[in-house]
Amino acid sequence: ARVKEKDFDDFDMILAMDWDNLSLLQQMAPKRNHHKLQLLMRFATEHE
C-alpha cells in the first residue's frame, strides 16, 4: 500500500527504514504530525 494522508492522523508512530523515506514522510506529513516520524533503527539495541 502507499502512505495516505490520513495515515498521519491515524497512526501514533510512523517508522521509516532510512533517511530518504523519513525525508519524504516529513515532506508529506502535516507539521502537527512530525513528532510521530522516526527511524525504526532508533529502537535497536544490538546494531549500530
All heavy atoms as atom14 arrays in JSON, in Angstrom:
{
  "sequence": "ARVKEKDFDDFDMILAMDWDNLSLLQQMAPKRNHHKLQLLMRFATEHE",
  "atom14_mask": [
    [1, 1, 1, 1, 1, 0, 0, 0, 0, 0, 0, 0, 0, 0],
    [1, 1, 1, 1, 1, 1, 1, 1, 1, 1, 1, 0, 0, 0],
    [1, 1, 1, 1, 1, 1, 1, 0, 0, 0, 0, 0, 0, 0],
    [1, 1, 1, 1, 1, 1, 1, 1, 1, 0, 0, 0, 0, 0],
    [1, 1, 1, 1, 1, 1, 1, 1, 1, 0, 0, 0, 0, 0],
    [1, 1, 1, 1, 1, 1, 1, 1, 1, 0, 0, 0, 0, 0],
    [1, 1, 1, 1, 1, 1, 1, 1, 0, 0, 0, 0, 0, 0],
    [1, 1, 1, 1, 1, 1, 1, 1, 1, 1, 1, 0, 0, 0],
    [1, 1, 1, 1, 1, 1, 1, 1, 0, 0, 0, 0, 0, 0],
    [1, 1, 1, 1, 1, 1, 1, 1, 0, 0, 0, 0, 0, 0],
    [1, 1, 1, 1, 1, 1, 1, 1, 1, 1, 1, 0, 0, 0],
    [1, 1, 1, 1, 1, 1, 1, 1, 0, 0, 0, 0, 0, 0],
    [1, 1, 1, 1, 1, 1, 1, 1, 0, 0, 0, 0, 0, 0],
    [1, 1, 1, 1, 1, 1, 1, 1, 0, 0, 0, 0, 0, 0],
    [1, 1, 1, 1, 1, 1, 1, 1, 0, 0, 0, 0, 0, 0],
    [1, 1, 1, 1, 1, 0, 0, 0, 0, 0, 0, 0, 0, 0],
    [1, 1, 1, 1, 1, 1, 1, 1, 0, 0, 0, 0, 0, 0],
    [1, 1, 1, 1, 1, 1, 1, 1, 0, 0, 0, 0, 0, 0],
    [1, 1, 1, 1, 1, 1, 1, 1, 1, 1, 1, 1, 1, 1],
    [1, 1, 1, 1, 1, 1, 1, 1, 0, 0, 0, 0, 0, 0],
    [1, 1, 1, 1, 1, 1, 1, 1, 0, 0, 0, 0, 0, 0],
    [1, 1, 1, 1, 1, 1, 1, 1, 0, 0, 0, 0, 0, 0],
    [1, 1, 1, 1, 1, 1, 0, 0, 0, 0, 0, 0, 0, 0],
    [1, 1, 1, 1, 1, 1, 1, 1, 0, 0, 0, 0, 0, 0],
    [1, 1, 1, 1, 1, 1, 1, 1, 0, 0, 0, 0, 0, 0],
    [1, 1, 1, 1, 1, 1, 1, 1, 1, 0, 0, 0, 0, 0],
    [1, 1, 1, 1, 1, 1, 1, 1, 1, 0, 0, 0, 0, 0],
    [1, 1, 1, 1, 1, 1, 1, 1, 0, 0, 0, 0, 0, 0],
    [1, 1, 1, 1, 1, 0, 0, 0, 0, 0, 0, 0, 0, 0],
    [1, 1, 1, 1, 1, 1, 1, 0, 0, 0, 0, 0, 0, 0],
    [1, 1, 1, 1, 1, 1, 1, 1, 1, 0, 0, 0, 0, 0],
    [1, 1, 1, 1, 1, 1, 1, 1, 1, 1, 1, 0, 0, 0],
    [1, 1, 1, 1, 1, 1, 1, 1, 0, 0, 0, 0, 0, 0],
    [1, 1, 1, 1, 1, 1, 1, 1, 1, 1, 0, 0, 0, 0],
    [1, 1, 1, 1, 1, 1, 1, 1, 1, 1, 0, 0, 0, 0],
    [1, 1, 1, 1, 1, 1, 1, 1, 1, 0, 0, 0, 0, 0],
    [1, 1, 1, 1, 1, 1, 1, 1, 0, 0, 0, 0, 0, 0],
    [1, 1, 1, 1, 1, 1, 1, 1, 1, 0, 0, 0, 0, 0],
    [1, 1, 1, 1, 1, 1, 1, 1, 0, 0, 0, 0, 0, 0],
    [1, 1, 1, 1, 1, 1, 1, 1, 0, 0, 0, 0, 0, 0],
    [1, 1, 1, 1, 1, 1, 1, 1, 0, 0, 0, 0, 0, 0],
    [1, 1, 1, 1, 1, 1, 1, 1, 1, 1, 1, 0, 0, 0],
    [1, 1, 1, 1, 1, 1, 1, 1, 1, 1, 1, 0, 0, 0],
    [1, 1, 1, 1, 1, 0, 0, 0, 0, 0, 0, 0, 0, 0],
    [1, 1, 1, 1, 1, 1, 1, 0, 0, 0, 0, 0, 0, 0],
    [1, 1, 1, 1, 1, 1, 1, 1, 1, 0, 0, 0, 0, 0],
    [1, 1, 1, 1, 1, 1, 1, 1, 1, 1, 0, 0, 0, 0],
    [1, 1, 1, 1, 1, 1, 1, 1, 1, 0, 0, 0, 0, 0]
  ],
  "atom14_positions": [
    [[0.86, -1.18, 0.0], [0.0, 0.0, 0.0], [0.89, 1.23, 0.0], [2.07, 1.15, 0.36], [-0.9, 0.0, 1.24], [0.0, 0.0, 0.0], [0.0, 0.0, 0.0], [0.0, 0.0, 0.0], [0.0, 0.0, 0.0], [0.0, 0.0, 0.0], [0.0, 0.0, 0.0], [0.0, 0.0, 0.0], [0.0, 0.0, 0.0], [0.0, 0.0, 0.0]],
    [[0.34, 2.34, -0.37], [1.09, 3.6, -0.33], [0.61, 4.41, 0.88], [-0.56, 4.34, 1.26], [0.84, 4.4, -1.6], [1.7, 5.65, -1.63], [1.7, 6.32, -2.97], [2.69, 7.39, -2.94], [2.59, 8.48, -3.64], [1.58, 8.65, -4.47], [3.52, 9.41, -3.56], [0.0, 0.0, 0.0], [0.0, 0.0, 0.0], [0.0, 0.0, 0.0]],
    [[1.51, 5.16, 1.47], [1.16, 6.04, 2.58], [0.07, 6.99, 2.1], [0.17, 7.57, 1.02], [2.39, 6.83, 3.08], [1.98, 7.86, 4.12], [3.45, 5.89, 3.63], [0.0, 0.0, 0.0], [0.0, 0.0, 0.0], [0.0, 0.0, 0.0], [0.0, 0.0, 0.0], [0.0, 0.0, 0.0], [0.0, 0.0, 0.0], [0.0, 0.0, 0.0]],
    [[-0.98, 7.12, 2.93], [-2.08, 8.03, 2.63], [-2.06, 9.2, 3.6], [-1.55, 9.09, 4.71], [-3.42, 7.28, 2.76], [-3.6, 6.13, 1.79], [-4.92, 5.41, 1.97], [-5.0, 4.47, 3.13], [-4.02, 3.42, 3.22], [0.0, 0.0, 0.0], [0.0, 0.0, 0.0], [0.0, 0.0, 0.0], [0.0, 0.0, 0.0], [0.0, 0.0, 0.0]],
    [[-2.64, 10.28, 3.2], [-2.65, 11.48, 4.04], [-3.25, 11.19, 5.41], [-2.74, 11.66, 6.43], [-3.45, 12.59, 3.33], [-3.28, 13.93, 3.97], [-3.92, 15.05, 3.16], [-3.81, 15.04, 1.94], [-4.53, 15.93, 3.81], [0.0, 0.0, 0.0], [0.0, 0.0, 0.0], [0.0, 0.0, 0.0], [0.0, 0.0, 0.0], [0.0, 0.0, 0.0]],
    [[-4.31, 10.38, 5.46], [-4.96, 10.11, 6.74], [-4.1, 9.25, 7.68], [-4.31, 9.25, 8.88], [-6.36, 9.49, 6.55], [-6.38, 8.08, 6.04], [-7.82, 7.64, 5.79], [-8.08, 6.21, 6.16], [-8.2, 5.88, 7.54], [0.0, 0.0, 0.0], [0.0, 0.0, 0.0], [0.0, 0.0, 0.0], [0.0, 0.0, 0.0], [0.0, 0.0, 0.0]],
    [[-3.09, 8.56, 7.13], [-2.19, 7.77, 7.97], [-1.49, 8.63, 9.02], [-1.22, 8.17, 10.13], [-1.13, 7.06, 7.13], [-1.7, 5.93, 6.27], [-2.8, 5.43, 6.59], [-1.04, 5.56, 5.28], [0.0, 0.0, 0.0], [0.0, 0.0, 0.0], [0.0, 0.0, 0.0], [0.0, 0.0, 0.0], [0.0, 0.0, 0.0], [0.0, 0.0, 0.0]],
    [[-1.23, 9.88, 8.67], [-0.52, 10.76, 9.6], [-1.36, 11.09, 10.83], [-0.82, 11.37, 11.9], [-0.05, 12.03, 8.89], [0.95, 11.73, 7.8], [0.59, 11.85, 6.46], [2.22, 11.3, 8.11], [1.5, 11.56, 5.46], [3.15, 11.0, 7.11], [2.77, 11.13, 5.78], [0.0, 0.0, 0.0], [0.0, 0.0, 0.0], [0.0, 0.0, 0.0]],
    [[-2.67, 11.01, 10.7], [-3.56, 11.19, 11.85], [-3.88, 9.86, 12.52], [-4.03, 9.78, 13.73], [-4.87, 11.87, 11.42], [-4.68, 13.34, 11.08], [-3.88, 14.02, 11.77], [-5.32, 13.81, 10.12], [0.0, 0.0, 0.0], [0.0, 0.0, 0.0], [0.0, 0.0, 0.0], [0.0, 0.0, 0.0], [0.0, 0.0, 0.0], [0.0, 0.0, 0.0]],
    [[-3.99, 8.8, 11.71], [-4.44, 7.5, 12.22], [-3.38, 6.74, 13.02], [-3.73, 5.89, 13.83], [-4.91, 6.6, 11.06], [-6.2, 7.09, 10.43], [-6.85, 7.99, 11.0], [-6.56, 6.56, 9.36], [0.0, 0.0, 0.0], [0.0, 0.0, 0.0], [0.0, 0.0, 0.0], [0.0, 0.0, 0.0], [0.0, 0.0, 0.0], [0.0, 0.0, 0.0]],
    [[-2.1, 7.0, 12.78], [-1.03, 6.25, 13.45], [-0.32, 7.12, 14.48], [-0.18, 8.32, 14.31], [-0.03, 5.69, 12.43], [-0.61, 4.57, 11.62], [-1.25, 4.82, 10.41], [-0.55, 3.26, 12.08], [-1.81, 3.79, 9.68], [-1.11, 2.22, 11.36], [-1.74, 2.49, 10.15], [0.0, 0.0, 0.0], [0.0, 0.0, 0.0], [0.0, 0.0, 0.0]],
    [[0.12, 6.47, 15.58], [0.85, 7.14, 16.66], [2.34, 7.21, 16.37], [3.02, 8.15, 16.79], [0.65, 6.39, 17.98], [-0.81, 6.25, 18.33], [-1.49, 7.28, 18.43], [-1.27, 5.1, 18.48], [0.0, 0.0, 0.0], [0.0, 0.0, 0.0], [0.0, 0.0, 0.0], [0.0, 0.0, 0.0], [0.0, 0.0, 0.0], [0.0, 0.0, 0.0]],
    [[2.85, 6.19, 15.7], [4.27, 6.11, 15.37], [4.37, 5.72, 13.9], [3.78, 4.72, 13.48], [4.97, 5.06, 16.24], [4.86, 5.31, 17.73], [5.6, 3.96, 18.68], [7.31, 4.45, 18.59], [0.0, 0.0, 0.0], [0.0, 0.0, 0.0], [0.0, 0.0, 0.0], [0.0, 0.0, 0.0], [0.0, 0.0, 0.0], [0.0, 0.0, 0.0]],
    [[5.13, 6.5, 13.14], [5.35, 6.22, 11.73], [6.86, 6.06, 11.57], [7.61, 7.04, 11.7], [4.76, 7.33, 10.84], [3.25, 7.45, 11.13], [5.03, 7.05, 9.38], [2.58, 8.65, 10.51], [0.0, 0.0, 0.0], [0.0, 0.0, 0.0], [0.0, 0.0, 0.0], [0.0, 0.0, 0.0], [0.0, 0.0, 0.0], [0.0, 0.0, 0.0]],
    [[7.27, 4.83, 11.34], [8.69, 4.47, 11.44], [9.28, 4.16, 10.08], [8.92, 3.16, 9.45], [8.86, 3.29, 12.39], [8.26, 3.52, 13.79], [8.36, 2.26, 14.62], [8.94, 4.69, 14.47], [0.0, 0.0, 0.0], [0.0, 0.0, 0.0], [0.0, 0.0, 0.0], [0.0, 0.0, 0.0], [0.0, 0.0, 0.0], [0.0, 0.0, 0.0]],
    [[10.19, 5.01, 9.64], [10.84, 4.86, 8.34], [12.06, 3.95, 8.44], [12.7, 3.86, 9.49], [11.26, 6.23, 7.81], [0.0, 0.0, 0.0], [0.0, 0.0, 0.0], [0.0, 0.0, 0.0], [0.0, 0.0, 0.0], [0.0, 0.0, 0.0], [0.0, 0.0, 0.0], [0.0, 0.0, 0.0], [0.0, 0.0, 0.0], [0.0, 0.0, 0.0]],
    [[12.37, 3.31, 7.33], [13.52, 2.4, 7.29], [14.83, 3.12, 7.02], [15.89, 2.61, 7.37], [13.32, 1.34, 6.19], [12.08, 0.49, 6.38], [12.13, -0.48, 7.88], [10.49, -0.17, 8.52], [0.0, 0.0, 0.0], [0.0, 0.0, 0.0], [0.0, 0.0, 0.0], [0.0, 0.0, 0.0], [0.0, 0.0, 0.0], [0.0, 0.0, 0.0]],
    [[14.76, 4.3, 6.37], [16.0, 5.01, 6.03], [15.75, 6.51, 5.95], [14.61, 6.97, 6.05], [16.61, 4.47, 4.72], [15.66, 4.6, 3.54], [14.94, 5.62, 3.43], [15.62, 3.66, 2.71], [0.0, 0.0, 0.0], [0.0, 0.0, 0.0], [0.0, 0.0, 0.0], [0.0, 0.0, 0.0], [0.0, 0.0, 0.0], [0.0, 0.0, 0.0]],
    [[16.85, 7.26, 5.78], [16.77, 8.73, 5.76], [15.93, 9.24, 4.6], [15.18, 10.21, 4.75], [18.17, 9.34, 5.68], [19.02, 9.07, 6.88], [20.13, 8.29, 6.94], [18.83, 9.58, 8.21], [20.64, 8.27, 8.22], [19.86, 9.07, 9.02], [17.88, 10.43, 8.79], [19.98, 9.37, 10.37], [17.99, 10.73, 10.13], [19.03, 10.2, 10.91]],
    [[16.05, 8.62, 3.41], [15.29, 9.08, 2.25], [13.79, 9.0, 2.5], [13.05, 9.93, 2.2], [15.65, 8.26, 1.0], [17.05, 8.55, 0.48], [17.61, 9.61, 0.83], [17.58, 7.71, -0.27], [0.0, 0.0, 0.0], [0.0, 0.0, 0.0], [0.0, 0.0, 0.0], [0.0, 0.0, 0.0], [0.0, 0.0, 0.0], [0.0, 0.0, 0.0]],
    [[13.36, 7.87, 3.04], [11.93, 7.71, 3.29], [11.46, 8.59, 4.45], [10.34, 9.1, 4.43], [11.57, 6.24, 3.49], [11.6, 5.51, 2.17], [10.78, 5.75, 1.29], [12.57, 4.62, 2.01], [0.0, 0.0, 0.0], [0.0, 0.0, 0.0], [0.0, 0.0, 0.0], [0.0, 0.0, 0.0], [0.0, 0.0, 0.0], [0.0, 0.0, 0.0]],
    [[12.32, 8.79, 5.45], [11.97, 9.71, 6.53], [11.79, 11.12, 5.97], [10.83, 11.82, 6.3], [13.03, 9.69, 7.63], [12.77, 10.6, 8.82], [11.47, 10.23, 9.54], [13.95, 10.56, 9.8], [0.0, 0.0, 0.0], [0.0, 0.0, 0.0], [0.0, 0.0, 0.0], [0.0, 0.0, 0.0], [0.0, 0.0, 0.0], [0.0, 0.0, 0.0]],
    [[12.69, 11.52, 5.09], [12.6, 12.85, 4.48], [11.32, 12.99, 3.66], [10.63, 14.02, 3.74], [13.82, 13.09, 3.59], [13.72, 14.34, 2.95], [0.0, 0.0, 0.0], [0.0, 0.0, 0.0], [0.0, 0.0, 0.0], [0.0, 0.0, 0.0], [0.0, 0.0, 0.0], [0.0, 0.0, 0.0], [0.0, 0.0, 0.0], [0.0, 0.0, 0.0]],
    [[10.98, 11.98, 2.9], [9.73, 12.01, 2.12], [8.51, 12.11, 3.05], [7.57, 12.86, 2.77], [9.62, 10.77, 1.23], [10.54, 10.76, 0.01], [10.56, 9.38, -0.63], [10.1, 11.82, -1.0], [0.0, 0.0, 0.0], [0.0, 0.0, 0.0], [0.0, 0.0, 0.0], [0.0, 0.0, 0.0], [0.0, 0.0, 0.0], [0.0, 0.0, 0.0]],
    [[8.54, 11.36, 4.14], [7.43, 11.43, 5.1], [7.33, 12.82, 5.71], [6.22, 13.34, 5.9], [7.63, 10.38, 6.21], [7.41, 8.93, 5.79], [7.91, 7.99, 6.89], [5.94, 8.67, 5.48], [0.0, 0.0, 0.0], [0.0, 0.0, 0.0], [0.0, 0.0, 0.0], [0.0, 0.0, 0.0], [0.0, 0.0, 0.0], [0.0, 0.0, 0.0]],
    [[8.47, 13.44, 6.0], [8.46, 14.79, 6.56], [7.86, 15.78, 5.57], [7.17, 16.72, 5.97], [9.88, 15.21, 6.97], [10.37, 14.46, 8.17], [11.86, 14.63, 8.42], [12.64, 14.92, 7.5], [12.28, 14.43, 9.66], [0.0, 0.0, 0.0], [0.0, 0.0, 0.0], [0.0, 0.0, 0.0], [0.0, 0.0, 0.0], [0.0, 0.0, 0.0]],
    [[8.1, 15.57, 4.29], [7.52, 16.44, 3.26], [6.02, 16.2, 3.11], [5.26, 17.14, 2.83], [8.22, 16.2, 1.91], [9.66, 16.64, 1.88], [10.37, 16.15, 0.63], [9.79, 16.11, -0.45], [11.63, 15.77, 0.78], [0.0, 0.0, 0.0], [0.0, 0.0, 0.0], [0.0, 0.0, 0.0], [0.0, 0.0, 0.0], [0.0, 0.0, 0.0]],
    [[5.59, 14.96, 3.29], [4.18, 14.59, 3.1], [3.31, 14.93, 4.32], [2.14, 15.27, 4.16], [4.07, 13.07, 2.85], [4.74, 12.59, 1.59], [4.93, 10.78, 1.57], [3.25, 10.24, 1.34], [0.0, 0.0, 0.0], [0.0, 0.0, 0.0], [0.0, 0.0, 0.0], [0.0, 0.0, 0.0], [0.0, 0.0, 0.0], [0.0, 0.0, 0.0]],
    [[3.87, 14.82, 5.5], [3.09, 14.94, 6.74], [2.79, 16.39, 7.09], [3.65, 17.26, 6.95], [3.84, 14.29, 7.9], [0.0, 0.0, 0.0], [0.0, 0.0, 0.0], [0.0, 0.0, 0.0], [0.0, 0.0, 0.0], [0.0, 0.0, 0.0], [0.0, 0.0, 0.0], [0.0, 0.0, 0.0], [0.0, 0.0, 0.0], [0.0, 0.0, 0.0]],
    [[1.57, 16.62, 7.61], [1.3, 17.95, 8.17], [2.25, 18.2, 9.35], [2.63, 17.26, 10.05], [-0.15, 17.83, 8.67], [-0.72, 16.64, 7.98], [0.44, 15.72, 7.71], [0.0, 0.0, 0.0], [0.0, 0.0, 0.0], [0.0, 0.0, 0.0], [0.0, 0.0, 0.0], [0.0, 0.0, 0.0], [0.0, 0.0, 0.0], [0.0, 0.0, 0.0]],
    [[2.64, 19.44, 9.54], [3.58, 19.8, 10.63], [3.12, 19.25, 11.98], [3.94, 18.81, 12.78], [3.73, 21.32, 10.72], [4.5, 21.92, 9.57], [5.97, 22.0, 9.91], [6.73, 22.8, 8.87], [7.53, 21.98, 7.98], [0.0, 0.0, 0.0], [0.0, 0.0, 0.0], [0.0, 0.0, 0.0], [0.0, 0.0, 0.0], [0.0, 0.0, 0.0]],
    [[1.82, 19.25, 12.22], [1.3, 18.8, 13.52], [1.6, 17.31, 13.79], [1.47, 16.86, 14.93], [-0.2, 19.06, 13.61], [-1.05, 18.17, 12.73], [-2.55, 18.44, 12.85], [-3.32, 17.53, 12.03], [-3.56, 17.7, 10.73], [-3.09, 18.78, 10.12], [-4.27, 16.82, 10.07], [0.0, 0.0, 0.0], [0.0, 0.0, 0.0], [0.0, 0.0, 0.0]],
    [[1.97, 16.57, 12.75], [2.25, 15.15, 12.9], [3.73, 14.78, 12.82], [4.08, 13.61, 12.89], [1.47, 14.34, 11.86], [-0.02, 14.47, 12.01], [-0.7, 14.89, 11.09], [-0.54, 14.13, 13.17], [0.0, 0.0, 0.0], [0.0, 0.0, 0.0], [0.0, 0.0, 0.0], [0.0, 0.0, 0.0], [0.0, 0.0, 0.0], [0.0, 0.0, 0.0]],
    [[4.59, 15.76, 12.68], [6.02, 15.47, 12.53], [6.61, 14.74, 13.73], [7.57, 13.98, 13.59], [6.81, 16.75, 12.23], [6.77, 17.12, 10.79], [7.82, 17.73, 10.16], [5.81, 16.96, 9.84], [7.51, 17.92, 8.89], [6.28, 17.48, 8.67], [0.0, 0.0, 0.0], [0.0, 0.0, 0.0], [0.0, 0.0, 0.0], [0.0, 0.0, 0.0]],
    [[6.03, 14.93, 14.91], [6.55, 14.24, 16.11], [6.37, 12.72, 16.03], [7.02, 11.99, 16.77], [5.86, 14.79, 17.37], [4.4, 14.47, 17.43], [3.44, 15.13, 16.69], [3.73, 13.53, 18.14], [2.25, 14.62, 16.95], [2.4, 13.65, 17.82], [0.0, 0.0, 0.0], [0.0, 0.0, 0.0], [0.0, 0.0, 0.0], [0.0, 0.0, 0.0]],
    [[5.52, 12.25, 15.14], [5.27, 10.81, 15.01], [6.3, 10.12, 14.12], [6.37, 8.89, 14.1], [3.89, 10.58, 14.39], [2.74, 11.13, 15.21], [1.43, 10.9, 14.5], [0.26, 11.4, 15.3], [-1.02, 11.07, 14.67], [0.0, 0.0, 0.0], [0.0, 0.0, 0.0], [0.0, 0.0, 0.0], [0.0, 0.0, 0.0], [0.0, 0.0, 0.0]],
    [[7.08, 10.88, 13.38], [8.01, 10.35, 12.38], [9.37, 10.07, 12.99], [9.98, 10.95, 13.6], [8.16, 11.34, 11.22], [6.87, 11.86, 10.58], [7.2, 12.92, 9.54], [6.05, 10.73, 9.99], [0.0, 0.0, 0.0], [0.0, 0.0, 0.0], [0.0, 0.0, 0.0], [0.0, 0.0, 0.0], [0.0, 0.0, 0.0], [0.0, 0.0, 0.0]],
    [[9.84, 8.83, 12.81], [11.15, 8.43, 13.35], [11.73, 7.34, 12.46], [11.03, 6.76, 11.64], [11.0, 7.85, 14.76], [10.41, 8.78, 15.78], [10.26, 8.07, 17.11], [11.23, 7.71, 17.74], [9.02, 7.88, 17.54], [0.0, 0.0, 0.0], [0.0, 0.0, 0.0], [0.0, 0.0, 0.0], [0.0, 0.0, 0.0], [0.0, 0.0, 0.0]],
    [[13.0, 7.04, 12.69], [13.63, 5.88, 12.05], [13.39, 4.66, 12.94], [13.52, 4.75, 14.17], [15.14, 6.1, 11.9], [15.58, 7.15, 10.88], [17.07, 7.4, 11.04], [15.26, 6.69, 9.46], [0.0, 0.0, 0.0], [0.0, 0.0, 0.0], [0.0, 0.0, 0.0], [0.0, 0.0, 0.0], [0.0, 0.0, 0.0], [0.0, 0.0, 0.0]],
    [[13.06, 3.53, 12.33], [12.84, 2.31, 13.1], [14.09, 1.92, 13.89], [13.99, 1.48, 15.04], [12.44, 1.16, 12.17], [12.33, -0.23, 12.8], [11.33, -0.25, 13.95], [11.98, -1.27, 11.76], [0.0, 0.0, 0.0], [0.0, 0.0, 0.0], [0.0, 0.0, 0.0], [0.0, 0.0, 0.0], [0.0, 0.0, 0.0], [0.0, 0.0, 0.0]],
    [[15.27, 2.1, 13.32], [16.51, 1.67, 13.99], [16.79, 2.44, 15.27], [17.67, 2.05, 16.05], [17.7, 1.75, 13.03], [17.74, 0.61, 12.03], [17.79, -1.05, 12.76], [19.49, -1.09, 13.36], [0.0, 0.0, 0.0], [0.0, 0.0, 0.0], [0.0, 0.0, 0.0], [0.0, 0.0, 0.0], [0.0, 0.0, 0.0], [0.0, 0.0, 0.0]],
    [[16.04, 3.48, 15.53], [16.16, 4.19, 16.81], [15.92, 3.25, 17.99], [16.41, 3.47, 19.09], [15.15, 5.33, 16.82], [15.07, 6.07, 18.11], [14.05, 7.22, 18.01], [14.01, 7.93, 19.25], [13.16, 7.64, 20.24], [12.28, 6.68, 20.12], [13.18, 8.33, 21.36], [0.0, 0.0, 0.0], [0.0, 0.0, 0.0], [0.0, 0.0, 0.0]],
    [[15.16, 2.2, 17.76], [14.79, 1.26, 18.83], [15.73, 0.06, 18.93], [15.55, -0.79, 19.79], [13.34, 0.8, 18.62], [12.37, 1.93, 18.65], [11.94, 2.52, 17.46], [11.91, 2.45, 19.85], [11.06, 3.6, 17.47], [11.04, 3.53, 19.88], [10.61, 4.1, 18.68], [0.0, 0.0, 0.0], [0.0, 0.0, 0.0], [0.0, 0.0, 0.0]],
    [[16.72, -0.02, 18.04], [17.65, -1.15, 18.05], [18.61, -1.05, 19.23], [18.98, 0.04, 19.66], [18.45, -1.17, 16.74], [0.0, 0.0, 0.0], [0.0, 0.0, 0.0], [0.0, 0.0, 0.0], [0.0, 0.0, 0.0], [0.0, 0.0, 0.0], [0.0, 0.0, 0.0], [0.0, 0.0, 0.0], [0.0, 0.0, 0.0], [0.0, 0.0, 0.0]],
    [[19.0, -2.2, 19.75], [19.95, -2.22, 20.86], [21.21, -3.02, 20.52], [22.22, -2.89, 21.19], [19.31, -2.82, 22.12], [18.88, -4.15, 21.84], [18.14, -1.98, 22.61], [0.0, 0.0, 0.0], [0.0, 0.0, 0.0], [0.0, 0.0, 0.0], [0.0, 0.0, 0.0], [0.0, 0.0, 0.0], [0.0, 0.0, 0.0], [0.0, 0.0, 0.0]],
    [[21.15, -3.85, 19.48], [22.28, -4.73, 19.14], [23.08, -4.24, 17.94], [24.24, -4.61, 17.79], [21.77, -6.15, 18.83], [20.99, -6.79, 19.97], [21.85, -7.04, 21.19], [23.01, -7.44, 21.03], [21.35, -6.81, 22.31], [0.0, 0.0, 0.0], [0.0, 0.0, 0.0], [0.0, 0.0, 0.0], [0.0, 0.0, 0.0], [0.0, 0.0, 0.0]],
    [[22.47, -3.45, 17.08], [23.13, -2.99, 15.85], [23.31, -1.48, 15.89], [22.44, -0.76, 16.35], [22.32, -3.4, 14.62], [22.23, -4.88, 14.43], [21.25, -5.65, 15.01], [23.02, -5.74, 13.76], [21.43, -6.91, 14.7], [22.5, -7.0, 13.94], [0.0, 0.0, 0.0], [0.0, 0.0, 0.0], [0.0, 0.0, 0.0], [0.0, 0.0, 0.0]],
    [[24.44, -1.03, 15.37], [24.79, 0.39, 15.4], [24.21, 1.2, 14.25], [24.17, 2.41, 14.3], [26.32, 0.54, 15.37], [27.01, -0.03, 16.59], [26.75, 0.77, 17.85], [26.7, 2.01, 17.77], [26.58, 0.16, 18.92], [0.0, 0.0, 0.0], [0.0, 0.0, 0.0], [0.0, 0.0, 0.0], [0.0, 0.0, 0.0], [0.0, 0.0, 0.0]]
  ]
}
